[in-house]
Amino acid sequence: MSVMAYRVAIRREGEQIVMYIAQPATMEGAFQVATLKVGAAEVPEVWEAFKEMGRLIAVGLAEGAGLDVTALEFRDAPEHEKAGRA
């Protein structure tokens, strides 16, 4: 069985925080799944809920593909993605 890898990428774009589903090593072909105003992200409970939504999306996509999720990995974006648009 061939499994396509993906990631949930969260990045600031102007006055919004944008969540994407993207390939592991690039933002090329990424698609947007959620946005949050920067001001709202400054409220800790809102920011945690937004990140939890990303976790749920990742797990839902994997389980929808018939995969068992045993772990999630969280890491900072690579340097080449910290500026610019997807």
Protein backbone atom coordinates (compact mmCIF):
# COMPACT_ATOMS: atom_id res chain seq x y z
CA MET A 1 0.00 0.00 0.00
CA SER A 2 1.36 3.43 -0.97
CA VAL A 3 0.94 6.14 1.66
CA MET A 4 1.18 9.83 0.81
CA ALA A 5 2.86 11.80 3.56
CA TYR A 6 1.59 15.24 4.49
CA ARG A 7 1.79 17.74 7.32
CA VAL A 8 -0.26 20.45 8.91
CA ALA A 9 1.63 23.73 8.49
CA ILE A 10 0.71 26.82 10.50
CA ARG A 11 2.19 30.17 9.49
CA ARG A 12 1.61 33.86 9.95
CA GLU A 13 0.63 35.76 6.83
CA GLY A 14 0.07 39.44 7.52
CA GLU A 15 -2.63 39.78 10.15
CA GLN A 16 -3.76 36.16 9.93
CA ILE A 17 -2.48 32.81 11.11
CA VAL A 18 -3.14 30.32 8.31
CA MET A 19 -3.28 26.52 8.58
CA TYR A 20 -2.44 24.41 5.54
CA ILE A 21 -2.22 20.76 4.58
CA ALA A 22 1.11 20.46 2.78
CA GLN A 23 3.68 17.99 1.51
CA PRO A 24 6.45 17.17 4.02
CA ALA A 25 9.24 19.21 2.42
CA THR A 26 7.45 21.98 0.51
CA MET A 27 4.47 24.30 0.56
CA GLU A 28 3.97 23.76 -3.19
CA GLY A 29 0.42 22.54 -3.75
CA ALA A 30 -0.58 23.21 -0.13
CA PHE A 31 -4.22 23.91 0.56
CA GLN A 32 -5.62 26.18 3.23
CA VAL A 33 -7.89 24.62 5.85
CA ALA A 34 -8.30 27.37 8.48
CA THR A 35 -7.43 30.96 9.39
CA LEU A 36 -7.28 32.89 12.63
CA LYS A 37 -6.77 36.61 13.24
CA VAL A 38 -3.42 37.37 14.88
CA GLY A 39 -5.17 39.21 17.72
CA ALA A 40 -7.29 36.16 18.52
CA ALA A 41 -4.15 33.99 18.53
CA GLU A 42 -2.82 36.12 21.38
CA VAL A 43 -5.49 34.63 23.67
CA PRO A 44 -3.85 31.43 24.99
CA GLU A 45 -7.06 29.38 25.02
CA VAL A 46 -7.88 30.38 21.44
CA TRP A 47 -4.35 29.61 20.22
CA GLU A 48 -4.41 26.17 21.92
CA ALA A 49 -7.83 25.42 20.38
CA PHE A 50 -6.53 26.39 16.92
CA LYS A 51 -3.52 24.08 17.30
CA GLU A 52 -5.78 21.29 18.57
CA MET A 53 -7.90 21.70 15.44
CA GLY A 54 -4.72 21.06 13.43
CA ARG A 55 -4.06 17.90 15.42
CA LEU A 56 -7.62 16.71 14.81
CA ILE A 57 -7.31 17.39 11.09
CA ALA A 58 -4.06 15.41 10.92
CA VAL A 59 -5.53 12.45 12.80
CA GLY A 60 -8.79 12.59 10.81
CA LEU A 61 -6.96 12.54 7.49
CA ALA A 62 -4.80 9.61 8.56
CA GLU A 63 -7.69 7.60 9.95
CA GLY A 64 -9.78 8.42 6.88
CA ALA A 65 -7.02 6.84 4.81
CA GLY A 66 -7.25 3.71 6.95
CA LEU A 67 -4.05 4.37 8.90
CA ASP A 68 -3.53 3.97 12.63
CA VAL A 69 -2.06 7.06 14.27
CA THR A 70 0.48 6.12 16.92
CA ALA A 71 2.28 9.46 17.30
CA LEU A 72 2.25 13.07 16.13
CA GLU A 73 5.44 15.06 15.69
CA PHE A 74 5.60 18.82 16.24
CA ARG A 75 8.51 20.95 15.07
CA ASP A 76 9.32 24.45 13.96
CA ALA A 77 9.09 25.29 10.28
CA PRO A 78 12.28 25.02 8.25
CA GLU A 79 14.08 28.32 7.71
CA HIS A 80 13.19 28.47 4.02
CA GLU A 81 9.48 28.53 4.94
CA LYS A 82 9.56 31.20 7.64
CA ALA A 83 9.09 34.04 5.16
CA GLY A 84 7.01 34.47 2.04
CA ARG A 85 3.72 32.96 0.95
CA ALA A 86 2.77 29.37 0.24
